[in-house]
Amino acid sequence: MALNDKALGKSLSNVFARTAKKEPSVGGRGFLEVDLNLIMPPDNNPRTHFGDEALAELAASISKHGILQPIVVAKREGGYEIIAGERRWRAAKQLALAKVPVVVRAKGEPHEVAQLRLIENIQREDLNPIELALAYRALLTDFELTQEQVAEEVGKDRSSVANSLRLLTLPPAIQNLLGDGQLSMGHARALITLGNDRLALALARRAIEEGLSVRAVERLAREAAAGDTSRTEKPSAKKDKPPHIRELEGNLSRLFDAEVAVKERGGKGSLTVRFHSKGHFKAVLQQLESAFADSRKQEAESGAE
């Protein structure tokens, strides 16, 4: 027998209520229905843009179907603090609901809860690209994780995390366009290759105005980069560098997700890698150690032959 929408919402609410009565806590976790006024927003949330229209749509859905996924909270003095589900909480407040279903995480140190909140939100995969990149950076800087550790925590490969973090090298105006959905990740990656904020912003605006495809932006970015001499380094220094050195700098920058400068003359020179946090520094060291280990292994195998 099929349930109508109202029956579905009531049935789900009843399930949460029954679960709360029978199993209020299992290993520090459990479904509860709690007073909405006892729930407080998180101190820091990777989501910074909620959107009035999207929030209204969520409220309408909750009004029709109920809250299908409980809000994740941690017990705090005088109530509960949201770990994940602030959008649902905001929508519930709009509807003036008395109670909402929650999952209570085992109480931990604020530092641990903050890290868990970031990971919970990242794994939901509903952050915009800039919010996601900022969340990754917070795990690197605030919790001193390496890129490999971040990737493991959120179930992504390291290259995905690195590519996401590179978005934060774009000027704020382009980050806003990407966060608002006016530009795609593909467009953003093409703009990063320019290394020139003025040219990148001009091309970003053109892409939006003309509805350019990612391939078109990639082509225009290559053409602009080839004809541009106003990079972050002095034009004379950039011009003096041979093509193989510039190519090496580009490859190393992508490998380390960092700004890399190579100076070489007469077989002597220097390699500079700029890191932005302790976590990033550890990630660079790990890459270098891995490269040295591979090199030694290859030498050993060659000697054995």
Protein backbone atom coordinates (compact mmCIF):
# COMPACT_ATOMS: atom_id res chain seq x y z
CA MET A 1 0.00 0.00 0.00
CA ALA A 2 1.56 3.29 -1.12
CA LEU A 3 1.97 6.17 1.28
CA ASN A 4 1.07 9.71 0.29
CA ASP A 5 3.52 12.57 0.92
CA LYS A 6 2.06 13.55 4.30
CA ALA A 7 1.99 9.95 5.47
CA LEU A 8 5.61 9.52 4.37
CA GLY A 9 6.75 12.50 6.42
CA LYS A 10 4.80 11.36 9.49
CA SER A 11 6.06 7.79 9.13
CA LEU A 12 9.67 8.93 9.03
CA SER A 13 9.13 11.16 12.05
CA ASN A 14 7.61 8.21 13.90
CA VAL A 15 10.60 6.05 13.00
CA PHE A 16 13.00 8.63 14.42
CA ALA A 17 10.85 9.02 17.53
CA ARG A 18 10.69 5.27 18.12
CA THR A 19 14.41 4.93 17.58
CA ALA A 20 15.08 7.70 20.06
CA LYS A 21 12.97 5.95 22.72
CA LYS A 22 14.37 2.47 22.18
CA GLU A 23 17.99 3.24 21.35
CA PRO A 24 18.89 6.72 22.60
CA SER A 25 22.59 6.01 22.29
CA VAL A 26 24.64 3.23 20.74
CA GLY A 27 28.38 3.63 21.19
CA GLY A 28 27.92 7.36 21.64
CA ARG A 29 25.61 7.66 18.61
CA GLY A 30 21.87 7.42 18.12
CA PHE A 31 18.77 9.02 16.61
CA LEU A 32 16.98 11.56 18.76
CA GLU A 33 14.27 14.13 18.28
CA VAL A 34 15.31 17.30 20.08
CA ASP A 35 13.92 20.77 20.59
CA LEU A 36 15.07 22.98 17.71
CA ASN A 37 15.90 25.76 20.17
CA LEU A 38 18.50 23.51 21.84
CA ILE A 39 20.53 23.28 18.62
CA MET A 40 23.16 25.92 17.96
CA PRO A 41 25.00 26.62 14.69
CA PRO A 42 28.67 25.65 14.32
CA ASP A 43 31.42 28.13 15.06
CA ASN A 44 32.97 27.51 11.66
CA ASN A 45 31.40 25.88 8.63
CA PRO A 46 33.07 25.33 5.23
CA ARG A 47 29.75 26.28 3.64
CA THR A 48 29.64 30.07 3.43
CA HIS A 49 26.88 30.54 0.86
CA PHE A 50 23.46 29.02 1.51
CA GLY A 51 21.34 30.79 -1.11
CA ASP A 52 17.87 32.05 -0.27
CA GLU A 53 16.22 30.26 -3.19
CA ALA A 54 17.89 26.91 -2.49
CA LEU A 55 17.05 27.22 1.20
CA ALA A 56 13.41 27.97 0.37
CA GLU A 57 13.30 24.86 -1.84
CA LEU A 58 14.73 22.75 0.97
CA ALA A 59 12.18 24.17 3.41
CA ALA A 60 9.38 23.33 0.99
CA SER A 61 10.69 19.77 0.66
CA ILE A 62 10.94 19.37 4.43
CA SER A 63 7.42 20.74 4.85
CA LYS A 64 6.18 18.12 2.40
CA HIS A 65 8.30 15.08 3.26
CA GLY A 66 9.84 15.80 6.64
CA ILE A 67 13.59 15.78 7.40
CA LEU A 68 14.75 12.61 5.66
CA GLN A 69 18.34 12.78 6.96
CA PRO A 70 19.00 13.68 10.61
CA ILE A 71 21.23 16.60 11.53
CA VAL A 72 24.60 15.50 12.93
CA VAL A 73 25.34 17.18 16.27
CA ALA A 74 27.68 17.03 19.27
CA LYS A 75 26.49 17.47 22.84
CA ARG A 76 27.39 20.83 24.31
CA GLU A 77 26.57 22.64 27.52
CA GLY A 78 22.96 23.74 27.28
CA GLY A 79 22.23 21.90 24.05
CA TYR A 80 23.78 20.58 20.86
CA GLU A 81 26.22 22.01 18.31
CA ILE A 82 25.78 21.24 14.62
CA ILE A 83 28.53 19.20 12.98
CA ALA A 84 26.77 18.64 9.65
CA GLY A 85 23.34 19.73 8.44
CA GLU A 86 23.24 23.47 8.99
CA ARG A 87 21.09 23.91 5.85
CA ARG A 88 18.47 21.54 7.27
CA TRP A 89 18.59 23.39 10.59
CA ARG A 90 18.11 26.76 8.86
CA ALA A 91 15.21 25.39 6.81
CA ALA A 92 13.62 23.93 9.95
CA LYS A 93 13.87 27.34 11.63
CA GLN A 94 12.13 28.93 8.64
CA LEU A 95 9.30 26.43 9.11
CA ALA A 96 9.26 27.04 12.89
CA LEU A 97 9.47 23.30 13.59
CA ALA A 98 9.36 22.34 17.26
CA LYS A 99 11.63 19.28 17.06
CA VAL A 100 14.07 17.82 14.53
CA PRO A 101 15.79 14.41 14.24
CA VAL A 102 19.48 14.38 15.08
CA VAL A 103 22.38 11.95 15.27
CA VAL A 104 24.55 12.61 18.32
CA ARG A 105 28.25 12.08 17.84
CA ALA A 106 30.32 11.02 20.82
CA LYS A 107 31.54 14.09 22.64
CA GLY A 108 35.08 14.98 21.74
CA GLU A 109 37.53 17.82 22.06
CA PRO A 110 36.53 20.99 20.12
CA HIS A 111 39.58 20.47 17.90
CA GLU A 112 38.42 16.95 16.98
CA VAL A 113 34.82 18.06 16.44
CA ALA A 114 35.95 20.89 14.17
CA GLN A 115 37.96 18.44 12.07
CA LEU A 116 35.06 16.01 11.95
CA ARG A 117 32.72 18.82 10.85
CA LEU A 118 34.97 19.68 7.94
CA ILE A 119 35.22 16.03 6.85
CA GLU A 120 31.45 15.45 7.20
CA ASN A 121 30.71 18.47 5.02
CA ILE A 122 33.30 17.54 2.40
CA GLN A 123 31.98 13.99 2.13
CA ARG A 124 28.45 15.29 1.49
CA GLU A 125 29.80 16.67 -1.81
CA ASP A 126 27.39 19.62 -1.89
CA LEU A 127 29.93 22.39 -1.33
CA ASN A 128 30.78 24.64 -4.25
CA PRO A 129 34.36 24.28 -5.61
CA ILE A 130 35.76 27.21 -3.63
CA GLU A 131 34.12 26.12 -0.37
CA LEU A 132 35.59 22.66 -0.95
CA ALA A 133 39.06 24.08 -1.61
CA LEU A 134 38.85 26.22 1.54
CA ALA A 135 37.79 23.17 3.55
CA TYR A 136 40.80 21.23 2.24
CA ARG A 137 43.10 24.15 3.11
CA ALA A 138 41.64 24.30 6.61
CA LEU A 139 42.51 20.63 7.13
CA LEU A 140 46.05 21.37 5.94
CA THR A 141 46.63 24.54 7.96
CA ASP A 142 44.42 24.24 11.05
CA PHE A 143 45.02 20.53 11.67
CA GLU A 144 48.46 20.24 10.02
CA LEU A 145 47.50 17.32 7.80
CA THR A 146 49.38 16.49 4.62
CA GLN A 147 47.61 16.34 1.27
CA GLU A 148 47.87 12.56 1.40
CA GLN A 149 46.23 12.50 4.84
CA VAL A 150 43.47 14.85 3.69
CA ALA A 151 42.82 12.65 0.66
CA GLU A 152 42.63 9.55 2.87
CA GLU A 153 40.26 11.23 5.34
CA VAL A 154 37.78 12.35 2.67
CA GLY A 155 38.10 9.34 0.35
CA LYS A 156 39.67 11.19 -2.58
CA ASP A 157 42.95 10.74 -4.43
CA ARG A 158 45.73 13.23 -3.71
CA SER A 159 45.62 14.76 -7.18
CA SER A 160 41.96 15.71 -6.68
CA VAL A 161 42.82 17.49 -3.45
CA ALA A 162 45.81 19.21 -5.07
CA ASN A 163 43.77 20.37 -8.07
CA SER A 164 41.09 21.72 -5.76
CA LEU A 165 43.63 23.67 -3.70
CA ARG A 166 45.06 25.24 -6.85
CA LEU A 167 41.75 27.08 -7.30
CA LEU A 168 42.73 29.28 -4.35
CA THR A 169 45.60 30.71 -6.41
CA LEU A 170 43.03 32.42 -8.62
CA PRO A 171 42.17 36.07 -7.86
CA PRO A 172 39.17 36.55 -5.53
CA ALA A 173 36.97 37.89 -8.33
CA ILE A 174 37.36 34.64 -10.29
CA GLN A 175 36.87 32.57 -7.15
CA ASN A 176 33.53 34.34 -6.65
CA LEU A 177 32.48 33.57 -10.23
CA LEU A 178 33.39 29.91 -9.71
CA GLY A 179 31.63 29.76 -6.34
CA ASP A 180 28.48 31.28 -7.88
CA GLY A 181 28.47 28.67 -10.64
CA GLN A 182 29.16 31.13 -13.46
CA LEU A 183 32.39 29.30 -14.28
CA SER A 184 33.08 25.56 -14.24
CA MET A 185 36.04 23.72 -12.77
CA GLY A 186 37.33 23.17 -16.30
CA HIS A 187 37.28 26.90 -17.00
CA ALA A 188 39.05 27.59 -13.71
CA ARG A 189 41.83 25.07 -14.39
CA ALA A 190 42.46 26.71 -17.76
CA LEU A 191 42.66 30.15 -16.16
CA ILE A 192 45.17 28.96 -13.55
CA THR A 193 47.70 28.21 -16.30
CA LEU A 194 47.88 31.91 -17.19
CA GLY A 195 49.64 32.92 -13.98
CA ASN A 196 48.48 36.50 -14.57
CA ASP A 197 45.51 37.83 -12.59
CA ARG A 198 44.66 40.60 -15.05
CA LEU A 199 44.60 38.32 -18.09
CA ALA A 200 42.80 35.56 -16.19
CA LEU A 201 40.01 37.88 -15.04
CA ALA A 202 39.57 39.33 -18.51
CA LEU A 203 39.32 35.85 -20.01
CA ALA A 204 36.94 34.71 -17.27
CA ARG A 205 34.56 37.57 -18.02
CA ARG A 206 34.78 36.88 -21.74
CA ALA A 207 34.02 33.20 -21.15
CA ILE A 208 30.85 34.15 -19.27
CA GLU A 209 29.71 36.84 -21.70
CA GLU A 210 30.29 34.69 -24.80
CA GLY A 211 29.43 31.33 -23.27
CA LEU A 212 32.82 29.89 -24.21
CA SER A 213 33.48 26.19 -23.81
CA VAL A 214 36.30 24.85 -21.66
CA ARG A 215 38.31 23.95 -24.76
CA ALA A 216 37.90 27.44 -26.14
CA VAL A 217 39.14 28.95 -22.87
CA GLU A 218 42.07 26.51 -22.80
CA ARG A 219 43.07 27.58 -26.32
CA LEU A 220 42.75 31.29 -25.52
CA ALA A 221 44.71 30.81 -22.30
CA ARG A 222 47.56 29.15 -24.21
CA GLU A 223 47.60 31.96 -26.74
CA ALA A 224 47.53 34.63 -24.04
CA ALA A 225 50.29 32.91 -22.06
CA ALA A 226 52.48 32.64 -25.14
CA GLY A 227 52.18 36.36 -25.82
CA ASP A 228 52.37 37.59 -22.23
CA THR A 229 55.59 38.71 -20.53
CA SER A 230 54.08 40.33 -17.42
CA ARG A 231 54.31 37.34 -15.08
CA THR A 232 54.93 37.35 -11.36
CA GLU A 233 58.69 37.26 -11.99
CA LYS A 234 60.56 40.11 -13.63
CA PRO A 235 60.09 39.99 -17.44
CA SER A 236 63.84 39.94 -18.06
CA ALA A 237 64.34 36.97 -15.73
CA LYS A 238 61.49 35.07 -17.34
CA LYS A 239 62.71 35.82 -20.83
CA ASP A 240 66.22 34.64 -20.00
CA LYS A 241 65.02 31.22 -18.92
CA PRO A 242 65.30 28.56 -21.62
CA PRO A 243 62.17 26.59 -22.56
CA HIS A 244 63.30 23.40 -20.79
CA ILE A 245 63.70 25.30 -17.49
CA ARG A 246 60.25 26.89 -17.81
CA GLU A 247 58.79 23.47 -18.58
CA LEU A 248 60.55 21.99 -15.56
CA GLU A 249 59.15 24.75 -13.33
CA GLY A 250 55.65 24.02 -14.60
CA ASN A 251 55.99 20.28 -14.00
CA LEU A 252 57.36 20.77 -10.49
CA SER A 253 54.65 23.33 -9.65
CA ARG A 254 51.97 20.81 -10.55
CA LEU A 255 53.75 18.05 -8.64
CA PHE A 256 54.12 20.06 -5.43
CA ASP A 257 51.01 22.22 -5.88
CA ALA A 258 53.29 25.17 -5.18
CA GLU A 259 55.17 28.02 -6.82
CA VAL A 260 58.55 26.72 -8.01
CA ALA A 261 61.52 28.72 -9.31
CA VAL A 262 64.54 27.11 -10.94
CA LYS A 263 67.75 29.09 -11.53
CA GLU A 264 70.53 27.44 -13.52
CA ARG A 265 73.73 28.71 -15.11
CA GLY A 266 76.74 26.69 -16.11
CA GLY A 267 75.47 23.56 -14.45
CA LYS A 268 74.94 25.31 -11.10
CA GLY A 269 71.87 26.95 -9.60
CA SER A 270 69.03 26.63 -7.14
CA LEU A 271 65.54 25.18 -6.79
CA THR A 272 63.02 27.13 -4.69
CA VAL A 273 59.68 25.67 -3.62
CA ARG A 274 57.26 28.00 -1.76
CA PHE A 275 54.98 26.27 0.77
CA HIS A 276 51.97 27.90 2.45
CA SER A 277 51.63 25.83 5.64
CA LYS A 278 53.30 23.18 7.79
CA GLY A 279 51.04 20.56 6.24
CA HIS A 280 51.99 21.69 2.75
CA PHE A 281 55.68 21.62 3.72
CA LYS A 282 55.31 18.03 4.93
CA ALA A 283 53.59 17.10 1.67
CA VAL A 284 56.46 18.59 -0.36
CA LEU A 285 59.01 16.67 1.72
CA GLN A 286 57.06 13.45 1.22
CA GLN A 287 57.09 13.98 -2.54
CA LEU A 288 60.85 14.55 -2.49
CA GLU A 289 61.49 11.52 -0.28
CA SER A 290 59.33 9.38 -2.55
CA ALA A 291 61.24 10.61 -5.62
CA PHE A 292 64.60 9.86 -3.98
CA ALA A 293 63.41 6.39 -2.96
CA ASP A 294 62.28 5.63 -6.51
CA SER A 295 65.60 6.88 -7.86
CA ARG A 296 67.61 4.68 -5.48
CA LYS A 297 65.45 1.70 -6.35
CA GLN A 298 66.03 2.22 -10.05
CA GLU A 299 69.80 2.58 -9.48
CA ALA A 300 69.82 -0.63 -7.45
CA GLU A 301 67.90 -2.50 -10.12
CA SER A 302 70.21 -1.17 -12.83
CA GLY A 303 73.27 -2.27 -10.80
CA ALA A 304 71.82 -5.73 -10.32
CA GLU A 305 71.47 -6.13 -14.04
